[in-house]
């Protein structure tokens, strides 16, 4: 950006707008201003390729994944010494059909910055995300396997035997595209619903069932949701009792200022703690000898794997993230029924989110869904917003507002804290 102080404000604004375009169109600024100097010093374009292997078992059937991923890499160097890194990758999902017409899908880990087992940036206990579909031809709802707990659950259909990542050549990727990519049930070109032409969007909103939207527009059920459950310490319970409604419902949620005050008191319980490589700060109360913030929940990191009990599992430089002791799925009721309805009809029913604990029998799983909204740029009907409510095993969560936006935290009496997650 120009540093000349004599430039008047209107001209400065014009140059600033043109500078944004210069990131993508080298020399644009000089065309309009007559300057030979651009904000961009140089642009480096290249490709990086890596192979992800995952070993699963269904009953006695091996289910090997051998996926070669291509990253399109662009590094933009700026004259002030700064640089930006942009990468696109394909495939994002890889699904295969197995016995009994079930489907198993790998949410391909995004490791375009060179993480491999060989260089130590992928741990030996690397744990990628897997989604199970009862019907390989129906992608509307799946069961997420993102934790060791899921594979250990007696209800598990899959066994996890390990995963690895290695760098490969462009030639190996091209060979893989010819022989293996056609086996992927998820087309590589699946677009997002946003950005479609008006005519096509109108067709979607009027005539397409949610199942067709899932298959041909938004792709498979890959938004996976649930809640971690923590048994609170006695210090935490004392704080919570001051916010528990007078009627003392079993399940309840504090919102707004009440939640902020409660959470501030929680964090004041936490000691200063400095895991290796992280700055010292308050990270919340200790639960099972781990500070609360170090239990993995942030979906921004779910593309590099999921945590294991040992604190590994993630292809991150600092793997100070731990597996929560319990995690349960949330079912969006009316979802499967609505697969047979049009998008417009779907909006005429109340929306229910039921966290399915089932006496602990669902521990480890998440339920995964294809995106519903926005459909053709439409917002959910007002009735759907107002009627949305949340339950735990069909018992309501008492809260002061609609549950269209799921509360980040809620409580089971003064005993358990739930934190909602989406991967």
Foldseek 3Di string as FASTA:
>chain_A
DDPDPPDDPVVVVVLVVQLVVCQVVPPSSCVVPVDPDHQWDDKDWDKWKKWKWWWKDFPNRIDIDTDIKMKTWMWTAGPVRDIDIDIDMPDQKFWAADPPQKIKMWRAFDDRVFQFVVVPLADFQAATKMWIGNHNLFQFKTKIFAAPFQQVFPVHRMHTDTMTMDTDDPVVNVVCCVPPVVRGPQDRPAEAQPPDDLVVLVCQQPPAFVRVCCRRHQDGFDKWKWKFKAWDDPQLLVLVVVVQDPVQDQKADDDDPVVVVSQVSQQVQFDFDDDPPDDTDGQGHAGPNARPNQADFDPVQNSQGHAYQVQHNGSDPDSSHHHGPWIWEKDWPPSVVRSPPGLVVSLVDAIEIETECPVVSRTRMIMTGGDNDDRSPDDRDPVRQQRYFYYYVPHGYDYDGHCPPPDQWMHRRSTMIMGMHID
